[in-house]
């Protein structure tokens, strides 16, 4: 089964995990599980997490539920189609600021990880 997991993309694994659990998950928990299932060698956890997070963020099957939680758009179609006009701009602005905050967190983790790697050498 692990050979099959290695052939499936990270975003597909994330989708299957959310489908199986049937609940939204905190992004770090979800991505960590994806990376464990994938079983590939990781040089930088922060970089790997940001890579998978970007894939999830760009895939329309996923929806950010707030506070770092991700779910599937198929769980709440009414909620997604209910937004209109000015509300869409407000939601887009909110997502943008969350995205920036998350990116800053990932960058800080990456810098800390790089510094830790440098200390070991």
Protein backbone atom coordinates (compact mmCIF):
# COMPACT_ATOMS: atom_id res chain seq x y z
CA UNK A 1 0.00 0.00 0.00
CA UNK A 2 2.87 2.41 0.66
CA UNK A 3 4.08 2.02 -2.95
CA UNK A 4 0.66 3.14 -4.11
CA UNK A 5 0.78 6.12 -1.71
CA UNK A 6 4.13 7.20 -3.17
CA UNK A 7 2.56 7.39 -6.63
CA UNK A 8 -0.41 9.53 -5.51
CA UNK A 9 0.15 13.30 -5.33
CA UNK A 10 0.26 15.07 -1.97
CA UNK A 11 -2.91 17.02 -2.73
CA UNK A 12 -4.76 13.79 -3.62
CA UNK A 13 -3.65 12.26 -0.32
CA UNK A 14 -4.88 15.34 1.55
CA UNK A 15 -8.23 15.05 -0.22
CA UNK A 16 -8.52 11.34 0.61
CA UNK A 17 -7.59 11.98 4.27
CA UNK A 18 -10.28 14.64 4.64
CA UNK A 19 -12.83 12.44 2.88
CA UNK A 20 -12.00 9.53 5.18
CA UNK A 21 -12.09 11.56 8.42
CA UNK A 22 -15.18 13.49 7.39
CA UNK A 23 -14.11 16.55 9.38
CA UNK A 24 -11.96 19.62 8.89
CA UNK A 25 -8.35 19.39 10.05
CA UNK A 26 -5.72 21.84 11.18
CA UNK A 27 -3.34 22.39 8.26
CA UNK A 28 -0.23 21.16 10.10
CA UNK A 29 -1.98 17.97 11.20
CA UNK A 30 -3.27 17.33 7.68
CA UNK A 31 0.03 18.08 5.95
CA UNK A 32 2.05 16.07 8.47
CA UNK A 33 -0.18 13.08 7.82
CA UNK A 34 0.21 13.56 4.06
CA UNK A 35 4.00 13.69 4.34
CA UNK A 36 4.08 10.59 6.58
CA UNK A 37 1.93 8.64 4.13
CA UNK A 38 4.02 9.84 1.21
CA UNK A 39 7.15 8.58 2.94
CA UNK A 40 9.56 10.62 0.85
CA UNK A 41 12.80 12.00 2.22
CA UNK A 42 12.38 15.57 3.46
CA UNK A 43 15.30 17.96 3.67
CA UNK A 44 13.29 20.83 5.11
CA UNK A 45 9.99 20.24 6.88
CA UNK A 46 9.00 23.90 6.53
CA UNK A 47 9.60 23.83 2.78
CA UNK A 48 7.71 20.54 2.35
CA UNK A 49 4.79 21.88 4.39
CA UNK A 50 4.63 25.10 2.40
CA UNK A 51 4.75 23.12 -0.85
CA UNK A 52 1.78 20.94 0.14
CA UNK A 53 -0.09 23.89 1.64
CA UNK A 54 0.25 25.77 -1.66
CA UNK A 55 -1.15 22.78 -3.56
CA UNK A 56 -4.12 22.56 -1.19
CA UNK A 57 -4.70 26.30 -1.37
CA UNK A 58 -4.80 26.22 -5.17
CA UNK A 59 -7.13 23.21 -5.41
CA UNK A 60 -10.80 24.19 -5.54
CA UNK A 61 -11.84 20.99 -3.75
CA UNK A 62 -10.50 22.43 -0.49
CA UNK A 63 -11.87 25.29 1.56
CA UNK A 64 -10.20 27.21 4.36
CA UNK A 65 -12.56 27.03 7.33
CA UNK A 66 -10.72 29.62 9.41
CA UNK A 67 -8.02 29.47 12.08
CA UNK A 68 -5.82 27.15 10.02
CA UNK A 69 -8.57 24.56 9.51
CA UNK A 70 -9.15 23.02 6.07
CA UNK A 71 -12.15 21.11 4.82
CA UNK A 72 -13.70 20.06 1.54
CA UNK A 73 -15.93 22.34 -0.53
CA UNK A 74 -18.31 19.43 -1.08
CA UNK A 75 -19.21 19.55 2.62
CA UNK A 76 -20.75 23.01 2.45
CA UNK A 77 -21.93 24.00 -1.04
CA UNK A 78 -24.58 26.41 0.28
CA UNK A 79 -21.98 28.34 2.24
CA UNK A 80 -19.74 28.78 -0.80
CA UNK A 81 -22.46 29.83 -3.23
CA UNK A 82 -24.10 32.20 -0.73
CA UNK A 83 -21.37 34.84 -1.12
CA UNK A 84 -22.05 37.62 -3.60
CA UNK A 85 -20.68 41.01 -4.69
CA UNK A 86 -19.11 42.91 -1.79
CA UNK A 87 -19.09 39.80 0.39
CA UNK A 88 -16.77 38.08 -2.11
CA UNK A 89 -14.32 40.99 -1.91
CA UNK A 90 -14.42 40.83 1.90
CA UNK A 91 -13.85 37.07 1.88
CA UNK A 92 -11.01 37.41 -0.64
CA UNK A 93 -9.39 40.08 1.52
CA UNK A 94 -9.77 37.89 4.60
CA UNK A 95 -8.21 34.90 2.81
CA UNK A 96 -5.39 37.08 1.56
CA UNK A 97 -4.49 38.29 5.06
CA UNK A 98 -4.69 34.73 6.43
CA UNK A 99 -2.49 33.53 3.59
CA UNK A 100 0.09 36.24 4.36
CA UNK A 101 0.04 35.33 8.07
CA UNK A 102 0.49 31.65 7.27
CA UNK A 103 3.32 32.42 4.86
CA UNK A 104 5.07 34.42 7.59
CA UNK A 105 4.71 31.46 10.01
CA UNK A 106 6.15 29.08 7.45
CA UNK A 107 9.04 31.44 6.73
CA UNK A 108 9.82 31.71 10.45
CA UNK A 109 9.80 27.93 10.77
CA UNK A 110 12.05 27.65 7.73
CA UNK A 111 14.54 30.17 9.17
CA UNK A 112 14.49 28.39 12.52
CA UNK A 113 15.00 25.03 10.80
CA UNK A 114 17.88 26.41 8.72
CA UNK A 115 19.48 27.92 11.82
CA UNK A 116 19.10 24.60 13.65
CA UNK A 117 20.72 22.77 10.72
CA UNK A 118 23.61 25.23 10.77
CA UNK A 119 24.16 24.65 14.49
CA UNK A 120 24.47 20.90 13.96
CA UNK A 121 27.24 21.24 11.41
